[in-house]
Amino acid sequence: MDPLGVVPVEGRGSLPYSLVHGESFVAAASWALTSAGVELFDFDVAWEQIRSSGRMLVLHDPLCPLTPVEFLIRAVEEAEASGAVVVGTRPVTDTIKAYDAAADGTIRLGATVDRETLISVTSPVVLPATVVEALEGLDLSDLPRLVAELAQRYPVRRIEAPPLGRRVLGEDDLAVLAALSESAGNPEPEDDEPEDDEPEDDVDPELA
């Protein structure tokens, strides 16, 4: 059976309704899920019906609106093969500093955190049917927090999302994502210059 899927908007303010290439984040994420063979369910469906369906559940964050269909398919296949919760992630590229806050409110910066030890949860989060059946419910307002909670109870596998799978948290992120998308969709044109062949001599056969 095809997995079930949902594009949660709660806890994300108005961002899911922002536009990228003329489509809302929600519309783009929903299209990607259905194109990946996932059946979207109505928010009015009771959780008990989902639990008893015997199907995987794919949570696709609309704040990762341009996550490629192929990556969603790969995540579903990985969850089906491994039986683990599968999570899309991106490496952390920002400089992260530890800090201490004194009683008077003074903040002292500490050492730089090793970015190799950090990840950024993106999308999707794929729950195998056995995990869905065991859960009493889901809080979809914060997928990174949900992943942390699931990791305490179930095996979790991380797969690195492509750059187009990055999360959008504001206008600057959206500008970067749109630029990445345009670059990916418009490859450099091929060199169409004609080959510089030597012209053939126009020789009359009678004179050859």
N, C-alpha and C. Protein backbone atom coordinates (compact mmCIF):
# COMPACT_ATOMS: atom_id res chain seq x y z
N MET A 1 0.83 -1.20 0.00
CA MET A 1 0.00 0.00 0.00
C MET A 1 0.87 1.25 0.00
N ASP A 2 0.39 2.27 -0.68
CA ASP A 2 1.11 3.54 -0.69
C ASP A 2 1.12 4.14 0.71
N PRO A 3 2.20 4.80 1.09
CA PRO A 3 2.23 5.45 2.40
C PRO A 3 1.27 6.63 2.44
N LEU A 4 0.84 6.96 3.66
CA LEU A 4 0.06 8.17 3.87
C LEU A 4 1.01 9.34 4.11
N GLY A 5 0.54 10.55 3.86
CA GLY A 5 1.41 11.70 4.06
C GLY A 5 0.63 12.91 4.50
N VAL A 6 1.34 13.84 5.13
CA VAL A 6 0.73 15.08 5.58
C VAL A 6 1.75 16.21 5.46
N VAL A 7 1.26 17.41 5.17
CA VAL A 7 2.09 18.61 5.12
C VAL A 7 1.60 19.51 6.26
N PRO A 8 2.23 19.46 7.42
CA PRO A 8 1.72 20.20 8.59
C PRO A 8 2.04 21.68 8.51
N VAL A 9 1.08 22.51 8.92
CA VAL A 9 1.28 23.96 8.89
C VAL A 9 1.25 24.58 10.29
N GLU A 10 0.74 23.86 11.28
CA GLU A 10 0.62 24.45 12.60
C GLU A 10 1.99 24.77 13.19
N GLY A 11 2.05 25.88 13.94
CA GLY A 11 3.29 26.27 14.58
C GLY A 11 4.29 26.95 13.66
N ARG A 12 3.91 27.25 12.44
CA ARG A 12 4.84 27.82 11.46
C ARG A 12 4.43 29.21 11.00
N GLY A 13 3.44 29.79 11.64
CA GLY A 13 3.01 31.13 11.28
C GLY A 13 2.48 31.19 9.86
N SER A 14 2.79 32.27 9.16
CA SER A 14 2.30 32.46 7.79
C SER A 14 3.28 31.95 6.74
N LEU A 15 4.46 31.49 7.18
CA LEU A 15 5.50 31.07 6.21
C LEU A 15 5.02 29.99 5.24
N PRO A 16 4.23 28.98 5.68
CA PRO A 16 3.82 27.96 4.72
C PRO A 16 3.03 28.49 3.53
N TYR A 17 2.53 29.73 3.64
CA TYR A 17 1.72 30.31 2.56
C TYR A 17 2.53 31.31 1.74
N SER A 18 3.83 31.41 2.03
CA SER A 18 4.71 32.21 1.20
C SER A 18 4.84 31.57 -0.16
N LEU A 19 5.29 32.35 -1.14
CA LEU A 19 5.38 31.85 -2.51
C LEU A 19 6.82 31.60 -2.92
N VAL A 20 7.01 30.52 -3.64
CA VAL A 20 8.28 30.24 -4.29
C VAL A 20 7.97 29.83 -5.72
N HIS A 21 8.51 30.57 -6.67
CA HIS A 21 8.21 30.36 -8.09
C HIS A 21 6.71 30.35 -8.36
N GLY A 22 5.99 31.23 -7.64
CA GLY A 22 4.56 31.40 -7.90
C GLY A 22 3.65 30.43 -7.19
N GLU A 23 4.20 29.47 -6.44
CA GLU A 23 3.40 28.50 -5.72
C GLU A 23 3.63 28.66 -4.22
N SER A 24 2.57 28.43 -3.42
CA SER A 24 2.76 28.47 -1.97
C SER A 24 3.62 27.28 -1.54
N PHE A 25 4.31 27.46 -0.42
CA PHE A 25 5.12 26.36 0.11
C PHE A 25 4.26 25.10 0.28
N VAL A 26 3.05 25.29 0.81
CA VAL A 26 2.16 24.15 1.07
C VAL A 26 1.84 23.42 -0.24
N ALA A 27 1.52 24.19 -1.27
CA ALA A 27 1.17 23.57 -2.56
C ALA A 27 2.36 22.83 -3.14
N ALA A 28 3.56 23.45 -3.06
CA ALA A 28 4.75 22.81 -3.61
C ALA A 28 5.07 21.52 -2.88
N ALA A 29 4.99 21.54 -1.54
CA ALA A 29 5.29 20.35 -0.76
C ALA A 29 4.25 19.26 -0.99
N SER A 30 2.98 19.64 -1.11
CA SER A 30 1.91 18.66 -1.35
C SER A 30 2.09 18.00 -2.72
N TRP A 31 2.44 18.82 -3.72
CA TRP A 31 2.67 18.26 -5.06
C TRP A 31 3.83 17.25 -5.04
N ALA A 32 4.89 17.59 -4.32
CA ALA A 32 6.04 16.69 -4.26
C ALA A 32 5.66 15.36 -3.61
N LEU A 33 4.87 15.42 -2.53
CA LEU A 33 4.46 14.18 -1.85
C LEU A 33 3.64 13.29 -2.78
N THR A 34 2.64 13.85 -3.43
CA THR A 34 1.81 13.03 -4.30
C THR A 34 2.60 12.51 -5.49
N SER A 35 3.54 13.31 -5.98
CA SER A 35 4.39 12.85 -7.09
C SER A 35 5.30 11.71 -6.67
N ALA A 36 5.58 11.63 -5.38
CA ALA A 36 6.42 10.55 -4.84
C ALA A 36 5.60 9.30 -4.52
N GLY A 37 4.31 9.31 -4.86
CA GLY A 37 3.47 8.14 -4.62
C GLY A 37 2.89 8.07 -3.23
N VAL A 38 2.84 9.21 -2.53
CA VAL A 38 2.30 9.26 -1.17
C VAL A 38 0.87 9.79 -1.24
N GLU A 39 -0.02 9.18 -0.48
CA GLU A 39 -1.42 9.59 -0.45
C GLU A 39 -1.63 10.60 0.68
N LEU A 40 -1.98 11.83 0.32
CA LEU A 40 -2.25 12.84 1.33
C LEU A 40 -3.57 12.55 2.04
N PHE A 41 -3.56 12.69 3.37
CA PHE A 41 -4.81 12.47 4.09
C PHE A 41 -5.35 13.79 4.61
N ASP A 42 -6.65 13.81 4.81
CA ASP A 42 -7.34 15.00 5.29
C ASP A 42 -7.05 15.21 6.76
N PHE A 43 -6.89 16.47 7.18
CA PHE A 43 -6.62 16.75 8.59
C PHE A 43 -7.78 16.35 9.49
N ASP A 44 -8.95 16.14 8.90
CA ASP A 44 -10.11 15.73 9.69
C ASP A 44 -10.09 14.25 10.02
N VAL A 45 -9.20 13.49 9.41
CA VAL A 45 -9.12 12.06 9.67
C VAL A 45 -8.62 11.82 11.10
N ALA A 46 -9.31 10.97 11.84
CA ALA A 46 -8.94 10.69 13.22
C ALA A 46 -7.62 9.92 13.25
N TRP A 47 -6.78 10.23 14.27
CA TRP A 47 -5.49 9.56 14.40
C TRP A 47 -5.66 8.05 14.50
N GLU A 48 -6.73 7.57 15.13
CA GLU A 48 -6.94 6.13 15.28
C GLU A 48 -7.07 5.45 13.92
N GLN A 49 -7.66 6.13 12.96
CA GLN A 49 -7.78 5.57 11.61
C GLN A 49 -6.41 5.45 10.96
N ILE A 50 -5.57 6.43 11.19
CA ILE A 50 -4.22 6.38 10.62
C ILE A 50 -3.42 5.26 11.28
N ARG A 51 -3.51 5.15 12.59
CA ARG A 51 -2.79 4.09 13.32
C ARG A 51 -3.17 2.70 12.82
N SER A 52 -4.44 2.51 12.56
CA SER A 52 -4.93 1.18 12.20
C SER A 52 -4.84 0.89 10.70
N SER A 53 -4.32 1.84 9.94
CA SER A 53 -4.26 1.67 8.48
C SER A 53 -3.18 0.68 8.05
N GLY A 54 -2.16 0.47 8.91
CA GLY A 54 -1.06 -0.42 8.54
C GLY A 54 -0.14 0.18 7.49
N ARG A 55 -0.14 1.50 7.39
CA ARG A 55 0.66 2.15 6.36
C ARG A 55 1.70 3.08 6.98
N MET A 56 2.79 3.29 6.24
CA MET A 56 3.79 4.27 6.66
C MET A 56 3.19 5.67 6.61
N LEU A 57 3.83 6.57 7.37
CA LEU A 57 3.38 7.95 7.39
C LEU A 57 4.56 8.86 7.07
N VAL A 58 4.38 9.73 6.07
CA VAL A 58 5.44 10.65 5.64
C VAL A 58 5.05 12.06 6.06
N LEU A 59 5.88 12.68 6.88
CA LEU A 59 5.67 14.05 7.32
C LEU A 59 6.58 14.94 6.49
N HIS A 60 6.00 15.83 5.71
CA HIS A 60 6.79 16.70 4.83
C HIS A 60 6.59 18.14 5.25
N ASP A 61 7.63 18.74 5.79
CA ASP A 61 7.55 20.10 6.30
C ASP A 61 7.43 21.09 5.15
N PRO A 62 6.39 21.94 5.13
CA PRO A 62 6.26 22.90 4.03
C PRO A 62 7.36 23.95 4.03
N LEU A 63 8.12 24.06 5.13
CA LEU A 63 9.22 25.01 5.15
C LEU A 63 10.44 24.47 4.40
N CYS A 64 10.31 23.26 3.86
CA CYS A 64 11.30 22.69 2.93
C CYS A 64 10.59 22.46 1.60
N PRO A 65 10.10 23.53 0.97
CA PRO A 65 9.14 23.39 -0.13
C PRO A 65 9.67 22.81 -1.41
N LEU A 66 10.98 22.89 -1.65
CA LEU A 66 11.52 22.41 -2.92
C LEU A 66 12.31 21.11 -2.78
N THR A 67 12.05 20.38 -1.69
CA THR A 67 12.68 19.07 -1.54
C THR A 67 12.35 18.21 -2.76
N PRO A 68 13.35 17.67 -3.45
CA PRO A 68 13.07 16.93 -4.69
C PRO A 68 12.25 15.67 -4.47
N VAL A 69 11.41 15.36 -5.43
CA VAL A 69 10.58 14.16 -5.37
C VAL A 69 11.45 12.92 -5.20
N GLU A 70 12.57 12.88 -5.92
CA GLU A 70 13.44 11.70 -5.86
C GLU A 70 13.97 11.46 -4.44
N PHE A 71 14.21 12.54 -3.71
CA PHE A 71 14.70 12.38 -2.33
C PHE A 71 13.59 11.86 -1.42
N LEU A 72 12.37 12.30 -1.64
CA LEU A 72 11.25 11.78 -0.86
C LEU A 72 11.07 10.28 -1.10
N ILE A 73 11.18 9.88 -2.35
CA ILE A 73 11.06 8.45 -2.69
C ILE A 73 12.16 7.66 -2.01
N ARG A 74 13.38 8.18 -2.03
CA ARG A 74 14.51 7.49 -1.40
C ARG A 74 14.28 7.33 0.10
N ALA A 75 13.74 8.36 0.75
CA ALA A 75 13.50 8.28 2.19
C ALA A 75 12.45 7.22 2.51
N VAL A 76 11.40 7.16 1.70
CA VAL A 76 10.35 6.15 1.91
C VAL A 76 10.92 4.75 1.72
N GLU A 77 11.71 4.56 0.68
CA GLU A 77 12.30 3.25 0.43
C GLU A 77 13.24 2.84 1.56
N GLU A 78 13.99 3.80 2.10
CA GLU A 78 14.91 3.50 3.20
C GLU A 78 14.15 3.09 4.45
N ALA A 79 13.05 3.76 4.74
CA ALA A 79 12.24 3.40 5.91
C ALA A 79 11.61 2.03 5.74
N GLU A 80 11.16 1.74 4.53
CA GLU A 80 10.54 0.44 4.26
C GLU A 80 11.56 -0.69 4.39
N ALA A 81 12.77 -0.46 3.90
CA ALA A 81 13.80 -1.50 3.93
C ALA A 81 14.38 -1.71 5.32
N SER A 82 14.52 -0.63 6.09
CA SER A 82 15.22 -0.72 7.37
C SER A 82 14.29 -0.89 8.57
N GLY A 83 13.04 -0.45 8.43
CA GLY A 83 12.13 -0.48 9.57
C GLY A 83 12.41 0.62 10.57
N ALA A 84 13.31 1.54 10.24
CA ALA A 84 13.65 2.65 11.13
C ALA A 84 12.94 3.92 10.69
N VAL A 85 12.83 4.86 11.62
CA VAL A 85 12.39 6.20 11.27
C VAL A 85 13.49 6.84 10.42
N VAL A 86 13.13 7.43 9.31
CA VAL A 86 14.11 8.04 8.41
C VAL A 86 13.88 9.55 8.38
N VAL A 87 14.96 10.29 8.53
CA VAL A 87 14.89 11.74 8.65
C VAL A 87 15.83 12.40 7.64
N GLY A 88 15.32 13.36 6.90
CA GLY A 88 16.18 14.17 6.04
C GLY A 88 16.92 15.21 6.86
N THR A 89 18.19 15.38 6.60
CA THR A 89 19.00 16.36 7.35
C THR A 89 19.92 17.11 6.40
N ARG A 90 20.40 18.25 6.87
CA ARG A 90 21.42 19.02 6.15
C ARG A 90 22.56 19.31 7.11
N PRO A 91 23.81 19.39 6.60
CA PRO A 91 24.93 19.77 7.48
C PRO A 91 24.79 21.22 7.93
N VAL A 92 25.30 21.50 9.12
CA VAL A 92 25.30 22.86 9.64
C VAL A 92 26.53 23.59 9.10
N THR A 93 26.32 24.75 8.50
CA THR A 93 27.43 25.51 7.91
C THR A 93 27.72 26.80 8.66
N ASP A 94 26.79 27.24 9.51
CA ASP A 94 27.02 28.46 10.28
C ASP A 94 28.02 28.19 11.40
N THR A 95 28.70 29.24 11.84
CA THR A 95 29.59 29.14 13.00
C THR A 95 28.75 29.18 14.28
N ILE A 96 28.90 28.17 15.11
CA ILE A 96 28.12 28.05 16.34
C ILE A 96 29.06 28.23 17.53
N LYS A 97 28.70 29.15 18.43
CA LYS A 97 29.51 29.43 19.60
C LYS A 97 28.79 29.01 20.87
N ALA A 98 29.54 28.40 21.80
CA ALA A 98 29.01 28.19 23.15
C ALA A 98 29.08 29.51 23.90
N TYR A 99 28.22 29.68 24.90
CA TYR A 99 28.27 30.93 25.66
C TYR A 99 27.79 30.70 27.09
N ASP A 100 28.18 31.61 27.97
CA ASP A 100 27.73 31.62 29.36
C ASP A 100 27.03 32.94 29.62
N ALA A 101 25.92 32.88 30.36
CA ALA A 101 25.20 34.09 30.75
C ALA A 101 25.39 34.32 32.24
N ALA A 102 26.00 35.44 32.58
CA ALA A 102 26.23 35.78 33.99
C ALA A 102 24.94 36.28 34.63
N ALA A 103 24.95 36.37 35.95
CA ALA A 103 23.76 36.80 36.68
C ALA A 103 23.35 38.21 36.31
N ASP A 104 24.30 39.06 35.93
CA ASP A 104 23.98 40.44 35.58
C ASP A 104 23.55 40.59 34.12
N GLY A 105 23.42 39.46 33.45
CA GLY A 105 22.98 39.48 32.06
C GLY A 105 24.09 39.54 31.05
N THR A 106 25.32 39.66 31.51
CA THR A 106 26.45 39.69 30.59
C THR A 106 26.64 38.32 29.93
N ILE A 107 26.84 38.34 28.64
CA ILE A 107 27.04 37.09 27.89
C ILE A 107 28.50 36.99 27.48
N ARG A 108 29.10 35.86 27.84
CA ARG A 108 30.50 35.61 27.47
C ARG A 108 30.55 34.48 26.46
N LEU A 109 31.12 34.78 25.30
CA LEU A 109 31.26 33.75 24.27
C LEU A 109 32.34 32.76 24.65
N GLY A 110 32.07 31.50 24.33
CA GLY A 110 33.04 30.45 24.62
C GLY A 110 33.62 29.88 23.35
N ALA A 111 33.91 28.59 23.39
CA ALA A 111 34.56 27.92 22.27
C ALA A 111 33.60 27.74 21.10
N THR A 112 34.16 27.62 19.92
CA THR A 112 33.37 27.31 18.73
C THR A 112 33.01 25.83 18.74
N VAL A 113 31.72 25.55 18.51
CA VAL A 113 31.25 24.16 18.50
C VAL A 113 31.65 23.52 17.17
N ASP A 114 32.12 22.28 17.26
CA ASP A 114 32.52 21.54 16.06
C ASP A 114 31.27 21.25 15.22
N ARG A 115 31.23 21.82 14.02
CA ARG A 115 30.05 21.65 13.18
C ARG A 115 29.86 20.22 12.72
N GLU A 116 30.93 19.42 12.74
CA GLU A 116 30.82 18.02 12.33
C GLU A 116 29.92 17.23 13.26
N THR A 117 29.72 17.74 14.47
CA THR A 117 28.87 17.05 15.45
C THR A 117 27.42 17.50 15.38
N LEU A 118 27.10 18.44 14.47
CA LEU A 118 25.76 19.02 14.40
C LEU A 118 25.08 18.68 13.08
N ILE A 119 23.76 18.60 13.14
CA ILE A 119 22.96 18.43 11.93
C ILE A 119 21.75 19.35 12.02
N SER A 120 21.16 19.64 10.88
CA SER A 120 19.93 20.40 10.82
C SER A 120 18.84 19.49 10.26
N VAL A 121 17.78 19.26 11.03
CA VAL A 121 16.68 18.42 10.57
C VAL A 121 15.90 19.19 9.51
N THR A 122 15.67 18.55 8.37
CA THR A 122 14.91 19.19 7.30
C THR A 122 13.63 18.39 7.06
N SER A 123 13.54 17.70 5.95
CA SER A 123 12.34 16.96 5.61
C SER A 123 12.71 15.91 4.56
N PRO A 124 12.02 14.79 4.52
CA PRO A 124 10.85 14.42 5.32
C PRO A 124 11.24 13.69 6.60
N VAL A 125 10.21 13.35 7.37
CA VAL A 125 10.34 12.39 8.47
C VAL A 125 9.39 11.24 8.12
N VAL A 126 9.94 10.06 7.94
CA VAL A 126 9.15 8.90 7.51
C VAL A 126 9.03 7.93 8.67
N LEU A 127 7.79 7.62 9.05
CA LEU A 127 7.52 6.70 10.15
C LEU A 127 7.04 5.36 9.60
N PRO A 128 7.76 4.27 9.90
CA PRO A 128 7.27 2.96 9.50
C PRO A 128 5.91 2.66 10.13
N ALA A 129 5.18 1.75 9.54
CA ALA A 129 3.84 1.43 10.04
C ALA A 129 3.86 0.97 11.49
N THR A 130 4.90 0.22 11.87
CA THR A 130 4.97 -0.27 13.26
C THR A 130 5.11 0.88 14.26
N VAL A 131 5.82 1.93 13.86
CA VAL A 131 5.97 3.10 14.73
C VAL A 131 4.65 3.86 14.80
N VAL A 132 3.98 4.02 13.66
CA VAL A 132 2.69 4.72 13.63
C VAL A 132 1.70 4.02 14.56
N GLU A 133 1.67 2.71 14.49
CA GLU A 133 0.73 1.94 15.31
C GLU A 133 0.99 2.10 16.80
N ALA A 134 2.25 2.36 17.17
CA ALA A 134 2.61 2.43 18.59
C ALA A 134 2.40 3.82 19.19
N LEU A 135 2.20 4.82 18.37
CA LEU A 135 2.10 6.19 18.87
C LEU A 135 0.66 6.55 19.21
N GLU A 136 0.50 7.26 20.31
CA GLU A 136 -0.83 7.73 20.72
C GLU A 136 -1.26 8.97 19.95
N GLY A 137 -0.30 9.66 19.37
CA GLY A 137 -0.59 10.87 18.62
C GLY A 137 0.71 11.54 18.22
N LEU A 138 0.62 12.63 17.47
CA LEU A 138 1.81 13.33 17.00
C LEU A 138 1.63 14.83 17.15
N ASP A 139 2.67 15.49 17.65
CA ASP A 139 2.72 16.95 17.64
C ASP A 139 3.58 17.35 16.45
N LEU A 140 2.95 17.89 15.44
CA LEU A 140 3.64 18.19 14.18
C LEU A 140 4.11 19.63 14.09
N SER A 141 4.01 20.38 15.18
CA SER A 141 4.36 21.80 15.13
C SER A 141 5.87 22.03 15.06
N ASP A 142 6.66 21.03 15.45
CA ASP A 142 8.13 21.19 15.49
C ASP A 142 8.76 19.85 15.15
N LEU A 143 9.11 19.64 13.88
CA LEU A 143 9.65 18.34 13.46
C LEU A 143 11.00 18.02 14.10
N PRO A 144 11.93 18.98 14.25
CA PRO A 144 13.19 18.64 14.93
C PRO A 144 12.97 18.11 16.36
N ARG A 145 12.03 18.72 17.08
CA ARG A 145 11.74 18.25 18.43
C ARG A 145 11.10 16.87 18.38
N LEU A 146 10.21 16.65 17.41
CA LEU A 146 9.57 15.35 17.26
C LEU A 146 10.62 14.27 16.98
N VAL A 147 11.59 14.58 16.12
CA VAL A 147 12.64 13.61 15.80
C VAL A 147 13.44 13.26 17.05
N ALA A 148 13.75 14.27 17.87
CA ALA A 148 14.49 14.02 19.12
C ALA A 148 13.70 13.10 20.04
N GLU A 149 12.40 13.28 20.10
CA GLU A 149 11.57 12.43 20.95
C GLU A 149 11.48 11.01 20.39
N LEU A 150 11.34 10.89 19.07
CA LEU A 150 11.27 9.56 18.46
C LEU A 150 12.58 8.80 18.65
N ALA A 151 13.71 9.52 18.61
CA ALA A 151 15.02 8.88 18.74
C ALA A 151 15.21 8.24 20.12
N GLN A 152 14.43 8.66 21.10
CA GLN A 152 14.53 8.06 22.43
C GLN A 152 13.82 6.72 22.51
N ARG A 153 12.99 6.43 21.50
CA ARG A 153 12.18 5.20 21.55
C ARG A 153 12.42 4.26 20.37
N TYR A 154 12.87 4.81 19.26
CA TYR A 154 12.97 4.00 18.04
C TYR A 154 14.30 4.28 17.33
N PRO A 155 14.75 3.32 16.53
CA PRO A 155 15.95 3.60 15.71
C PRO A 155 15.65 4.67 14.67
N VAL A 156 16.58 5.59 14.49
CA VAL A 156 16.42 6.69 13.54
C VAL A 156 17.60 6.70 12.59
N ARG A 157 17.31 6.75 11.31
CA ARG A 157 18.36 6.85 10.30
C ARG A 157 18.29 8.22 9.64
N ARG A 158 19.45 8.84 9.49
CA ARG A 158 19.54 10.15 8.85
C ARG A 158 20.08 9.99 7.44
N ILE A 159 19.47 10.68 6.50
CA ILE A 159 20.00 10.72 5.14
C ILE A 159 20.11 12.20 4.75
N GLU A 160 21.24 12.53 4.15
CA GLU A 160 21.50 13.93 3.85
C GLU A 160 20.66 14.41 2.67
N ALA A 161 19.90 15.46 2.90
CA ALA A 161 19.06 16.04 1.86
C ALA A 161 19.91 16.87 0.91
N PRO A 162 19.51 16.99 -0.33
CA PRO A 162 20.23 17.83 -1.28
C PRO A 162 20.03 19.30 -0.93
N PRO A 163 20.82 20.19 -1.51
CA PRO A 163 20.70 21.62 -1.20
C PRO A 163 19.28 22.17 -1.37
N LEU A 164 18.53 21.67 -2.35
CA LEU A 164 17.16 22.15 -2.56
C LEU A 164 16.23 21.73 -1.43
N GLY A 165 16.69 20.84 -0.56
CA GLY A 165 15.88 20.41 0.57
C GLY A 165 16.07 21.27 1.80
N ARG A 166 16.77 22.38 1.69
CA ARG A 166 17.04 23.23 2.84
C ARG A 166 15.76 23.85 3.39
N ARG A 167 15.82 24.20 4.69
CA ARG A 167 14.67 24.77 5.37
C ARG A 167 14.66 26.30 5.22
N VAL A 168 13.47 26.86 5.03
CA VAL A 168 13.29 28.30 4.91
C VAL A 168 12.72 28.84 6.21
N LEU A 169 13.44 29.78 6.81
CA LEU A 169 12.98 30.40 8.06
C LEU A 169 12.75 31.90 7.92
N GLY A 170 12.99 32.43 6.72
CA GLY A 170 12.81 33.86 6.51
C GLY A 170 13.10 34.24 5.08
N GLU A 171 13.03 35.54 4.80
CA GLU A 171 13.20 36.03 3.44
C GLU A 171 14.59 35.72 2.88
N ASP A 172 15.62 35.83 3.72
CA ASP A 172 16.98 35.55 3.24
C ASP A 172 17.10 34.10 2.79
N ASP A 173 16.55 33.17 3.60
CA ASP A 173 16.59 31.75 3.23
C ASP A 173 15.84 31.51 1.93
N LEU A 174 14.69 32.17 1.78
CA LEU A 174 13.89 32.00 0.58
C LEU A 174 14.64 32.47 -0.65
N ALA A 175 15.36 33.60 -0.55
CA ALA A 175 16.12 34.12 -1.68
C ALA A 175 17.21 33.13 -2.09
N VAL A 176 17.87 32.53 -1.10
CA VAL A 176 18.93 31.55 -1.39
C VAL A 176 18.33 30.32 -2.08
N LEU A 177 17.19 29.83 -1.54
CA LEU A 177 16.55 28.64 -2.12
C LEU A 177 16.10 28.89 -3.55
N ALA A 178 15.51 30.06 -3.79
CA ALA A 178 15.05 30.38 -5.14
C ALA A 178 16.22 30.44 -6.11
N ALA A 179 17.33 31.01 -5.66
CA ALA A 179 18.52 31.09 -6.52
C ALA A 179 19.07 29.70 -6.82
N LEU A 180 19.11 28.84 -5.80
CA LEU A 180 19.57 27.46 -6.01
C LEU A 180 18.68 26.74 -7.01
N SER A 181 17.37 26.95 -6.88
CA SER A 181 16.43 26.29 -7.77
C SER A 181 16.60 26.75 -9.21
N GLU A 182 16.75 28.05 -9.39
CA GLU A 182 16.94 28.57 -10.74
C GLU A 182 18.23 28.05 -11.36
N SER A 183 19.27 27.95 -10.53
CA SER A 183 20.54 27.44 -11.02
C SER A 183 20.42 25.97 -11.42
N ALA A 184 19.72 25.19 -10.59
CA ALA A 184 19.57 23.76 -10.88
C ALA A 184 18.70 23.53 -12.11
N GLY A 185 17.74 24.42 -12.33
CA GLY A 185 16.81 24.24 -13.45
C GLY A 185 17.28 24.86 -14.74
N ASN A 186 18.37 25.61 -14.68
CA ASN A 186 18.88 26.27 -15.89
C ASN A 186 20.37 25.98 -16.04
N PRO A 187 20.72 24.79 -16.52
CA PRO A 187 22.12 24.45 -16.68
C PRO A 187 22.80 25.34 -17.70
N GLU A 188 24.11 25.40 -17.58
CA GLU A 188 24.87 26.20 -18.54
C GLU A 188 24.62 25.70 -19.96
N PRO A 189 24.37 26.60 -20.88
CA PRO A 189 24.13 26.16 -22.26
C PRO A 189 25.36 25.49 -22.85
N GLU A 190 25.07 24.52 -23.70
CA GLU A 190 26.18 23.83 -24.34
C GLU A 190 26.82 24.74 -25.39
N ASP A 191 28.06 24.47 -25.69
CA ASP A 191 28.77 25.25 -26.69
C ASP A 191 28.27 24.84 -28.07
N ASP A 192 27.52 25.77 -28.70
CA ASP A 192 26.93 25.46 -30.00
C ASP A 192 27.75 26.00 -31.16
N GLU A 193 28.96 26.46 -30.87
CA GLU A 193 29.78 27.00 -31.96
C GLU A 193 30.13 25.89 -32.93
N PRO A 194 30.01 26.14 -34.22
CA PRO A 194 30.33 25.09 -35.21
C PRO A 194 31.81 24.75 -35.18
N GLU A 195 32.06 23.51 -35.48
CA GLU A 195 33.45 23.07 -35.54
C GLU A 195 34.17 23.78 -36.69
N ASP A 196 35.42 24.11 -36.44
CA ASP A 196 36.21 24.83 -37.45
C ASP A 196 36.88 23.82 -38.37
N ASP A 197 36.05 23.24 -39.26
CA ASP A 197 36.57 22.22 -40.17
C ASP A 197 37.25 22.89 -41.36
N GLU A 198 38.19 22.19 -41.88
CA GLU A 198 38.85 22.67 -43.11
C GLU A 198 37.86 22.59 -44.27
N PRO A 199 37.70 23.65 -45.06
CA PRO A 199 36.77 23.57 -46.20
C PRO A 199 37.28 22.58 -47.23
N GLU A 200 36.31 21.85 -47.78
CA GLU A 200 36.69 20.87 -48.79
C GLU A 200 37.00 21.60 -50.10
N ASP A 201 38.02 21.12 -50.80
CA ASP A 201 38.34 21.70 -52.10
C ASP A 201 37.27 21.30 -53.10
N ASP A 202 36.81 22.28 -53.86
CA ASP A 202 35.81 22.01 -54.88
C ASP A 202 36.56 21.59 -56.15
N VAL A 203 36.72 20.28 -56.32
CA VAL A 203 37.54 19.78 -57.43
C VAL A 203 36.61 19.16 -58.48
N ASP A 204 36.77 19.57 -59.66
CA ASP A 204 36.02 18.99 -60.76
C ASP A 204 36.58 17.59 -61.05
N PRO A 205 35.70 16.56 -60.99
CA PRO A 205 36.21 15.17 -61.22
C PRO A 205 36.91 15.02 -62.55
N GLU A 206 36.47 15.80 -63.51
CA GLU A 206 37.09 15.68 -64.84
C GLU A 206 38.55 16.11 -64.80
N LEU A 207 38.93 16.97 -63.87
CA LEU A 207 40.29 17.50 -63.81
C LEU A 207 41.16 16.76 -62.81
N ALA A 208 40.54 15.88 -62.00
CA ALA A 208 41.29 15.22 -60.94
C ALA A 208 42.28 14.23 -61.55
